Amino acid sequence: MKYLTEKLKHQALPILLQEFGFNCVLCEKPIEKGQNYDFAHLNDNPRDNRFENLGLAHHVCNVQMINDIDMKFRAKDLIRQREEAGF
């Protein structure tokens, strides 16, 4: 699969907002107006653009997830929950 395109972001955004609101999937805090945010790939694979693997995240949290075990566990758990729910 290709990297996340603007078209895929446009398709994913309403789904992600419905599920989480405008909150970071990694720290669960609101993404405030003007804060940098990313479309995070929860399994760290930028080519895996399934909706189960995507979430909005503070840019800082998305970068921090690389070395933060707790965030990685949260991300993997979220993917698992979504897959089981048929997301």
C-alpha atoms as a PDB file:
ATOM      1  CA  MET A   1       0.000   0.000   0.000  1.00  0.00           C
ATOM      2  CA  LYS A   2       1.074   3.593  -0.552  1.00  0.00           C
ATOM      3  CA  TYR A   3       1.848   6.164   2.062  1.00  0.00           C
ATOM      4  CA  LEU A   4      -1.089   8.111   3.492  1.00  0.00           C
ATOM      5  CA  THR A   5      -2.306  10.520   0.825  1.00  0.00           C
ATOM      6  CA  GLU A   6      -4.367  13.654   1.280  1.00  0.00           C
ATOM      7  CA  LYS A   7      -7.337  11.766  -0.185  1.00  0.00           C
ATOM      8  CA  LEU A   8      -7.022   8.993   2.418  1.00  0.00           C
ATOM      9  CA  LYS A   9      -6.634  11.588   5.193  1.00  0.00           C
ATOM     10  CA  HIS A  10      -9.811  13.292   3.978  1.00  0.00           C
ATOM     11  CA  GLN A  11     -11.659   9.950   4.056  1.00  0.00           C
ATOM     12  CA  ALA A  12     -10.297   8.939   7.476  1.00  0.00           C
ATOM     13  CA  LEU A  13     -10.772  12.237   9.319  1.00  0.00           C
ATOM     14  CA  PRO A  14     -14.582  12.060   9.820  1.00  0.00           C
ATOM     15  CA  ILE A  15     -14.322   8.452  11.011  1.00  0.00           C
ATOM     16  CA  LEU A  16     -11.547   9.269  13.473  1.00  0.00           C
ATOM     17  CA  LEU A  17     -13.359  12.358  14.749  1.00  0.00           C
ATOM     18  CA  GLN A  18     -16.523  10.319  15.317  1.00  0.00           C
ATOM     19  CA  GLU A  19     -14.595   7.729  17.330  1.00  0.00           C
ATOM     20  CA  PHE A  20     -12.331   9.984  19.414  1.00  0.00           C
ATOM     21  CA  GLY A  21     -13.380  13.566  18.871  1.00  0.00           C
ATOM     22  CA  PHE A  22     -10.385  15.825  18.421  1.00  0.00           C
ATOM     23  CA  ASN A  23      -8.336  13.937  21.031  1.00  0.00           C
ATOM     24  CA  CYS A  24      -4.935  12.304  20.805  1.00  0.00           C
ATOM     25  CA  VAL A  25      -5.257   8.512  20.565  1.00  0.00           C
ATOM     26  CA  LEU A  26      -1.978   8.099  22.423  1.00  0.00           C
ATOM     27  CA  CYS A  27      -2.298  10.391  25.455  1.00  0.00           C
ATOM     28  CA  GLU A  28      -6.101  10.864  25.225  1.00  0.00           C
ATOM     29  CA  LYS A  29      -5.799  14.638  25.805  1.00  0.00           C
ATOM     30  CA  PRO A  30      -7.514  17.147  23.501  1.00  0.00           C
ATOM     31  CA  ILE A  31      -5.685  18.440  20.480  1.00  0.00           C
ATOM     32  CA  GLU A  32      -6.041  22.184  20.964  1.00  0.00           C
ATOM     33  CA  LYS A  33      -6.503  24.677  18.166  1.00  0.00           C
ATOM     34  CA  GLY A  34      -3.122  25.519  16.691  1.00  0.00           C
ATOM     35  CA  GLN A  35      -1.357  22.408  18.031  1.00  0.00           C
ATOM     36  CA  ASN A  36       0.516  20.270  15.543  1.00  0.00           C
ATOM     37  CA  TYR A  37      -1.050  16.856  15.053  1.00  0.00           C
ATOM     38  CA  ASP A  38      -0.368  13.825  12.905  1.00  0.00           C
ATOM     39  CA  PHE A  39      -2.288  10.974  11.414  1.00  0.00           C
ATOM     40  CA  ALA A  40      -0.475   8.369  13.501  1.00  0.00           C
ATOM     41  CA  HIS A  41       0.123   4.848  12.256  1.00  0.00           C
ATOM     42  CA  LEU A  42      -0.452   2.895  15.440  1.00  0.00           C
ATOM     43  CA  ASN A  43       1.705  -0.065  14.402  1.00  0.00           C
ATOM     44  CA  ASP A  44       4.544   2.216  13.187  1.00  0.00           C
ATOM     45  CA  ASN A  45       4.060   1.028   9.595  1.00  0.00           C
ATOM     46  CA  PRO A  46       3.496   4.109   7.391  1.00  0.00           C
ATOM     47  CA  ARG A  47       2.230   1.934   4.541  1.00  0.00           C
ATOM     48  CA  ASP A  48      -0.518   0.288   6.621  1.00  0.00           C
ATOM     49  CA  ASN A  49      -3.346   2.751   6.024  1.00  0.00           C
ATOM     50  CA  ARG A  50      -6.215   0.634   7.322  1.00  0.00           C
ATOM     51  CA  PHE A  51      -8.565   2.741   9.442  1.00  0.00           C
ATOM     52  CA  GLU A  52      -7.863   0.335  12.344  1.00  0.00           C
ATOM     53  CA  ASN A  53      -4.247   1.501  12.257  1.00  0.00           C
ATOM     54  CA  LEU A  54      -4.867   5.249  12.088  1.00  0.00           C
ATOM     55  CA  GLY A  55      -5.506   7.837  14.740  1.00  0.00           C
ATOM     56  CA  LEU A  56      -5.043  11.532  15.325  1.00  0.00           C
ATOM     57  CA  ALA A  57      -2.173  12.259  17.681  1.00  0.00           C
ATOM     58  CA  HIS A  58      -0.244  15.220  18.956  1.00  0.00           C
ATOM     59  CA  HIS A  59       2.918  15.428  16.883  1.00  0.00           C
ATOM     60  CA  VAL A  60       4.956  15.189  20.102  1.00  0.00           C
ATOM     61  CA  CYS A  61       3.098  12.017  21.171  1.00  0.00           C
ATOM     62  CA  ASN A  62       3.502  10.442  17.751  1.00  0.00           C
ATOM     63  CA  VAL A  63       7.269  10.992  17.903  1.00  0.00           C
ATOM     64  CA  GLN A  64       7.418   9.907  21.560  1.00  0.00           C
ATOM     65  CA  MET A  65       5.652   6.620  20.749  1.00  0.00           C
ATOM     66  CA  ILE A  66       8.847   5.418  19.042  1.00  0.00           C
ATOM     67  CA  ASN A  67      10.489   4.931  22.456  1.00  0.00           C
ATOM     68  CA  ASP A  68       7.520   4.794  24.837  1.00  0.00           C
ATOM     69  CA  ILE A  69       6.461   1.240  25.707  1.00  0.00           C
ATOM     70  CA  ASP A  70       3.182   2.348  27.341  1.00  0.00           C
ATOM     71  CA  MET A  71       2.124   4.230  24.208  1.00  0.00           C
ATOM     72  CA  LYS A  72       3.047   1.248  22.023  1.00  0.00           C
ATOM     73  CA  PHE A  73       0.936  -1.079  24.180  1.00  0.00           C
ATOM     74  CA  ARG A  74      -1.978   1.376  24.051  1.00  0.00           C
ATOM     75  CA  ALA A  75      -1.665   1.605  20.260  1.00  0.00           C
ATOM     76  CA  LYS A  76      -1.546  -2.183  19.804  1.00  0.00           C
ATOM     77  CA  ASP A  77      -4.498  -2.639  22.147  1.00  0.00           C
ATOM     78  CA  LEU A  78      -6.499  -0.073  20.195  1.00  0.00           C
ATOM     79  CA  ILE A  79      -5.779  -1.835  16.898  1.00  0.00           C
ATOM     80  CA  ARG A  80      -6.869  -5.150  18.434  1.00  0.00           C
ATOM     81  CA  GLN A  81     -10.107  -3.642  19.803  1.00  0.00           C
ATOM     82  CA  ARG A  82     -10.923  -2.096  16.442  1.00  0.00           C
ATOM     83  CA  GLU A  83     -10.251  -5.331  14.561  1.00  0.00           C
ATOM     84  CA  GLU A  84     -12.454  -7.309  16.962  1.00  0.00           C
ATOM     85  CA  ALA A  85     -15.229  -4.729  16.595  1.00  0.00           C
ATOM     86  CA  GLY A  86     -15.054  -4.902  12.807  1.00  0.00           C
ATOM     87  CA  PHE A  87     -13.967  -1.301  12.566  1.00  0.00           C
END
